[in-house]
Amino acid sequence: MPRPRLYRKIDFNPNVTYFKPRGVSMKDLEVVELTTEEMEAYRLRHINNLDQKEGASAMHTSQSTYQRILYSAYEKIADALVNGKAIKIIKV
């Protein structure tokens, strides 16, 4: 049985939850799902300019977990941009 998921503080609730390449029909697109915690880690790092320690503290998680969440967001965003996929922000 897996360990229960710990609470991570997320202060960002996006109004827009879908991004797609312009001029491409949704039926022709693959979708990359980005979680709200990945979006929060990305926002803290690149919008609020927090370092790893500060970002982890803001999300109430360890530095290693914060870094893992952030790199997961990087991979998904890069995949969507490079390969022309849509990005859907989901709540977990």
Protein backbone atom coordinates (compact mmCIF):
# COMPACT_ATOMS: atom_id res chain seq x y z
CA MET A 1 0.00 0.00 0.00
CA PRO A 2 1.54 3.36 -1.00
CA ARG A 3 2.16 6.12 1.48
CA PRO A 4 -0.62 8.72 1.65
CA ARG A 5 0.05 11.85 -0.34
CA LEU A 6 1.22 14.82 1.73
CA TYR A 7 -0.44 18.22 1.58
CA ARG A 8 1.35 20.71 -0.66
CA LYS A 9 0.37 24.35 -0.44
CA ILE A 10 -0.80 25.74 -3.79
CA ASP A 11 -1.68 29.44 -3.92
CA PHE A 12 -2.28 29.53 -7.67
CA ASN A 13 -5.67 28.74 -9.15
CA PRO A 14 -5.49 29.39 -12.89
CA ASN A 15 -8.48 30.88 -14.70
CA VAL A 16 -7.21 29.53 -18.00
CA THR A 17 -6.54 25.80 -17.95
CA TYR A 18 -5.95 25.04 -21.61
CA PHE A 19 -3.31 26.23 -24.06
CA LYS A 20 -2.93 25.07 -27.63
CA PRO A 21 -1.00 25.96 -30.76
CA ARG A 22 -2.79 28.52 -32.88
CA GLY A 23 -4.37 27.32 -36.10
CA VAL A 24 -4.46 23.63 -35.16
CA SER A 25 -7.75 21.86 -34.52
CA MET A 26 -8.13 20.24 -31.08
CA LYS A 27 -8.99 16.90 -32.67
CA ASP A 28 -5.54 16.87 -34.31
CA LEU A 29 -3.59 17.65 -31.11
CA GLU A 30 -2.04 15.51 -28.45
CA VAL A 31 -2.51 16.85 -24.93
CA VAL A 32 0.09 17.18 -22.17
CA GLU A 33 -1.43 17.30 -18.68
CA LEU A 34 0.27 19.64 -16.22
CA THR A 35 -0.81 19.35 -12.57
CA THR A 36 -1.57 22.39 -10.45
CA GLU A 37 1.38 21.54 -8.19
CA GLU A 38 3.71 21.48 -11.23
CA MET A 39 2.27 24.82 -12.32
CA GLU A 40 2.75 26.23 -8.80
CA ALA A 41 6.39 25.09 -8.68
CA TYR A 42 6.99 26.64 -12.11
CA ARG A 43 5.27 29.89 -11.05
CA LEU A 44 7.25 30.16 -7.82
CA ARG A 45 10.54 29.65 -9.66
CA HIS A 46 9.98 31.79 -12.75
CA ILE A 47 7.37 34.39 -11.80
CA ASN A 48 8.22 34.92 -8.12
CA ASN A 49 11.96 34.23 -8.68
CA LEU A 50 12.26 31.95 -5.65
CA ASP A 51 15.20 29.57 -5.37
CA GLN A 52 14.76 25.87 -4.62
CA LYS A 53 14.82 26.26 -0.84
CA GLU A 54 12.33 29.16 -0.81
CA GLY A 55 10.01 27.45 -3.31
CA ALA A 56 10.00 24.23 -1.31
CA SER A 57 9.21 26.16 1.85
CA ALA A 58 6.36 28.02 0.12
CA MET A 59 4.84 24.71 -1.02
CA HIS A 60 5.40 23.02 2.37
CA THR A 61 7.51 20.24 0.87
CA SER A 62 11.13 19.11 0.83
CA GLN A 63 13.69 20.60 -1.55
CA SER A 64 14.12 17.31 -3.37
CA THR A 65 10.37 16.91 -3.89
CA TYR A 66 10.07 20.52 -5.08
CA GLN A 67 12.91 19.95 -7.55
CA ARG A 68 11.30 16.73 -8.83
CA ILE A 69 7.95 18.54 -9.35
CA LEU A 70 9.69 21.46 -11.11
CA TYR A 71 11.65 19.21 -13.49
CA SER A 72 8.48 17.29 -14.31
CA ALA A 73 6.87 20.62 -15.28
CA TYR A 74 9.92 21.54 -17.40
CA GLU A 75 9.74 18.26 -19.31
CA LYS A 76 6.02 18.57 -20.01
CA ILE A 77 6.17 22.22 -21.07
CA ALA A 78 9.18 21.58 -23.32
CA ASP A 79 7.44 18.57 -24.90
CA ALA A 80 4.35 20.65 -25.65
CA LEU A 81 6.30 23.57 -27.12
CA VAL A 82 8.74 21.53 -29.20
CA ASN A 83 6.23 18.97 -30.48
CA GLY A 84 3.22 21.28 -30.93
CA LYS A 85 1.00 19.73 -28.25
CA ALA A 86 -1.77 21.30 -26.18
CA ILE A 87 -1.26 21.89 -22.43
CA LYS A 88 -4.09 21.11 -20.04
CA ILE A 89 -3.76 22.16 -16.36
CA ILE A 90 -5.46 19.60 -14.12
CA LYS A 91 -6.20 19.53 -10.41
CA VAL A 92 -4.93 16.49 -8.54
